[in-house]
Amino acid sequence: KPKEQEILDFREACNKVIHAKSFEPETVQTTPGTRAPPLTGRLVLYGDRQGKEWCAELDLKEYAFSALTLNP
């Protein structure tokens, strides 16, 4: 299913970060001619597993908070 979505637990999020082949920081759309667009705090990761492509979106604030909560 190409558009199947699931919520990742922290372990799976870590695996996506480790195994990502590419990534794109999500930015706010701005008018042309402005400087670098501001970041939203979300990161889109791309990779593949056993020949099947995947895409994961991470909220970096939640990811960091989970890391701190699990490893004080």
N, C-alpha and C. Protein backbone atom coordinates (compact mmCIF):
# COMPACT_ATOMS: atom_id res chain seq x y z
N LYS A 1 0.85 -1.18 0.00
CA LYS A 1 0.00 0.00 0.00
C LYS A 1 0.89 1.23 0.00
N PRO A 2 0.93 1.96 -1.07
CA PRO A 2 1.89 3.07 -1.18
C PRO A 2 1.67 4.20 -0.18
N LYS A 3 0.46 4.45 0.28
CA LYS A 3 0.20 5.57 1.18
C LYS A 3 -0.13 5.12 2.60
N GLU A 4 0.23 3.89 2.96
CA GLU A 4 -0.04 3.39 4.30
C GLU A 4 0.76 4.19 5.32
N GLN A 5 0.09 4.63 6.37
CA GLN A 5 0.76 5.43 7.40
C GLN A 5 0.65 4.73 8.73
N GLU A 6 1.67 4.91 9.55
CA GLU A 6 1.64 4.39 10.91
C GLU A 6 2.45 5.31 11.80
N ILE A 7 2.09 5.32 13.07
CA ILE A 7 2.84 6.11 14.04
C ILE A 7 4.04 5.30 14.48
N LEU A 8 5.20 5.94 14.47
CA LEU A 8 6.43 5.25 14.84
C LEU A 8 6.70 5.38 16.33
N ASP A 9 7.12 4.28 16.95
CA ASP A 9 7.59 4.41 18.32
C ASP A 9 9.03 4.93 18.25
N PHE A 10 9.60 5.25 19.40
CA PHE A 10 10.92 5.88 19.41
C PHE A 10 11.98 5.00 18.75
N ARG A 11 11.93 3.69 19.01
CA ARG A 11 12.91 2.77 18.43
C ARG A 11 12.84 2.79 16.90
N GLU A 12 11.62 2.74 16.37
CA GLU A 12 11.46 2.76 14.91
C GLU A 12 11.90 4.11 14.33
N ALA A 13 11.63 5.19 15.04
CA ALA A 13 12.07 6.52 14.58
C ALA A 13 13.60 6.56 14.51
N CYS A 14 14.26 5.97 15.52
CA CYS A 14 15.73 5.91 15.50
C CYS A 14 16.22 5.11 14.31
N ASN A 15 15.56 3.99 14.02
CA ASN A 15 15.94 3.17 12.87
C ASN A 15 15.80 3.95 11.57
N LYS A 16 14.74 4.74 11.45
CA LYS A 16 14.54 5.54 10.23
C LYS A 16 15.67 6.57 10.08
N VAL A 17 16.05 7.19 11.19
CA VAL A 17 17.13 8.18 11.14
C VAL A 17 18.43 7.50 10.71
N ILE A 18 18.73 6.35 11.29
CA ILE A 18 19.98 5.65 11.00
C ILE A 18 20.03 5.16 9.55
N HIS A 19 18.91 4.66 9.04
CA HIS A 19 18.91 4.02 7.73
C HIS A 19 18.41 4.90 6.59
N ALA A 20 18.13 6.16 6.86
CA ALA A 20 17.66 7.06 5.80
C ALA A 20 18.74 7.25 4.75
N LYS A 21 18.33 7.22 3.49
CA LYS A 21 19.26 7.47 2.38
C LYS A 21 19.30 8.95 2.02
N SER A 22 18.21 9.66 2.32
CA SER A 22 18.18 11.10 2.10
C SER A 22 17.15 11.72 3.05
N PHE A 23 17.21 13.03 3.17
CA PHE A 23 16.27 13.73 4.06
C PHE A 23 16.05 15.13 3.55
N GLU A 24 14.94 15.72 3.98
CA GLU A 24 14.60 17.10 3.64
C GLU A 24 14.03 17.77 4.88
N PRO A 25 14.64 18.84 5.35
CA PRO A 25 14.01 19.59 6.43
C PRO A 25 12.79 20.32 5.87
N GLU A 26 11.68 20.24 6.57
CA GLU A 26 10.47 20.92 6.11
C GLU A 26 10.60 22.41 6.40
N THR A 27 10.22 23.23 5.45
CA THR A 27 10.32 24.69 5.60
C THR A 27 8.96 25.33 5.36
N VAL A 28 8.83 26.54 5.84
CA VAL A 28 7.63 27.34 5.62
C VAL A 28 7.75 27.99 4.25
N GLN A 29 6.69 27.96 3.47
CA GLN A 29 6.74 28.60 2.16
C GLN A 29 6.75 30.11 2.35
N THR A 30 7.67 30.74 1.62
CA THR A 30 7.79 32.20 1.70
C THR A 30 7.69 32.78 0.30
N THR A 31 7.67 34.07 0.23
CA THR A 31 7.61 34.73 -1.07
C THR A 31 8.97 34.64 -1.76
N PRO A 32 8.98 34.58 -3.07
CA PRO A 32 10.26 34.52 -3.79
C PRO A 32 11.13 35.73 -3.48
N GLY A 33 12.43 35.49 -3.44
CA GLY A 33 13.38 36.56 -3.21
C GLY A 33 13.75 36.74 -1.74
N THR A 34 13.08 36.03 -0.84
CA THR A 34 13.45 36.15 0.58
C THR A 34 14.64 35.25 0.86
N ARG A 35 15.23 35.43 2.00
CA ARG A 35 16.37 34.59 2.39
C ARG A 35 15.90 33.17 2.62
N ALA A 36 16.74 32.36 3.22
CA ALA A 36 16.41 30.96 3.47
C ALA A 36 15.09 30.87 4.24
N PRO A 37 14.19 30.02 3.80
CA PRO A 37 12.90 29.92 4.48
C PRO A 37 13.06 29.31 5.88
N PRO A 38 12.21 29.74 6.82
CA PRO A 38 12.31 29.20 8.18
C PRO A 38 11.95 27.72 8.23
N LEU A 39 12.59 27.02 9.15
CA LEU A 39 12.31 25.59 9.33
C LEU A 39 11.07 25.42 10.19
N THR A 40 10.36 24.30 9.98
CA THR A 40 9.14 24.03 10.76
C THR A 40 9.41 23.15 11.96
N GLY A 41 10.56 22.50 12.03
CA GLY A 41 10.83 21.56 13.11
C GLY A 41 10.48 20.14 12.73
N ARG A 42 10.14 19.93 11.47
CA ARG A 42 9.83 18.58 10.98
C ARG A 42 10.90 18.17 9.97
N LEU A 43 11.18 16.88 9.94
CA LEU A 43 12.18 16.33 9.04
C LEU A 43 11.56 15.16 8.29
N VAL A 44 11.70 15.17 6.97
CA VAL A 44 11.18 14.09 6.14
C VAL A 44 12.36 13.23 5.72
N LEU A 45 12.28 11.94 6.03
CA LEU A 45 13.34 10.98 5.73
C LEU A 45 12.88 10.02 4.65
N TYR A 46 13.82 9.61 3.79
CA TYR A 46 13.52 8.66 2.71
C TYR A 46 14.52 7.53 2.75
N GLY A 47 14.06 6.34 2.44
CA GLY A 47 14.94 5.18 2.39
C GLY A 47 14.25 4.01 1.75
N ASP A 48 14.86 2.85 1.86
CA ASP A 48 14.23 1.63 1.36
C ASP A 48 14.62 0.46 2.25
N ARG A 49 13.74 -0.52 2.27
CA ARG A 49 13.99 -1.73 3.05
C ARG A 49 13.49 -2.90 2.24
N GLN A 50 14.38 -3.83 1.96
CA GLN A 50 14.06 -5.02 1.16
C GLN A 50 13.39 -4.64 -0.16
N GLY A 51 13.94 -3.61 -0.80
CA GLY A 51 13.45 -3.18 -2.10
C GLY A 51 12.17 -2.38 -2.08
N LYS A 52 11.68 -2.05 -0.89
CA LYS A 52 10.44 -1.28 -0.76
C LYS A 52 10.77 0.10 -0.21
N GLU A 53 10.40 1.15 -0.94
CA GLU A 53 10.72 2.51 -0.51
C GLU A 53 9.80 2.95 0.63
N TRP A 54 10.36 3.77 1.53
CA TRP A 54 9.57 4.33 2.62
C TRP A 54 9.87 5.81 2.78
N CYS A 55 8.97 6.50 3.44
CA CYS A 55 9.10 7.92 3.76
C CYS A 55 8.62 8.07 5.20
N ALA A 56 9.36 8.78 6.01
CA ALA A 56 8.98 9.01 7.41
C ALA A 56 9.08 10.49 7.72
N GLU A 57 8.10 11.00 8.45
CA GLU A 57 8.12 12.39 8.89
C GLU A 57 8.34 12.41 10.40
N LEU A 58 9.35 13.16 10.84
CA LEU A 58 9.65 13.26 12.26
C LEU A 58 9.42 14.68 12.75
N ASP A 59 8.77 14.80 13.88
CA ASP A 59 8.68 16.07 14.59
C ASP A 59 9.92 16.10 15.48
N LEU A 60 10.86 16.96 15.17
CA LEU A 60 12.14 16.95 15.86
C LEU A 60 12.03 17.30 17.35
N LYS A 61 11.07 18.13 17.71
CA LYS A 61 10.88 18.46 19.13
C LYS A 61 10.42 17.22 19.89
N GLU A 62 9.46 16.49 19.34
CA GLU A 62 8.98 15.27 19.99
C GLU A 62 10.08 14.21 20.05
N TYR A 63 10.85 14.11 18.98
CA TYR A 63 11.93 13.14 18.93
C TYR A 63 12.97 13.43 20.02
N ALA A 64 13.35 14.68 20.15
CA ALA A 64 14.33 15.07 21.18
C ALA A 64 13.75 14.87 22.59
N PHE A 65 12.48 15.23 22.77
CA PHE A 65 11.85 15.05 24.08
C PHE A 65 11.79 13.56 24.45
N SER A 66 11.48 12.70 23.48
CA SER A 66 11.43 11.26 23.73
C SER A 66 12.81 10.76 24.12
N ALA A 67 13.84 11.24 23.44
CA ALA A 67 15.21 10.82 23.76
C ALA A 67 15.57 11.22 25.19
N LEU A 68 15.20 12.43 25.59
CA LEU A 68 15.49 12.89 26.95
C LEU A 68 14.70 12.13 28.00
N THR A 69 13.45 11.81 27.67
CA THR A 69 12.59 11.08 28.60
C THR A 69 13.09 9.66 28.83
N LEU A 70 13.54 9.01 27.76
CA LEU A 70 14.00 7.64 27.85
C LEU A 70 15.41 7.51 28.41
N ASN A 71 16.21 8.57 28.26
CA ASN A 71 17.60 8.55 28.72
C ASN A 71 17.90 9.82 29.50
N PRO A 72 17.38 9.93 30.74
CA PRO A 72 17.58 11.18 31.49
C PRO A 72 19.03 11.44 31.85
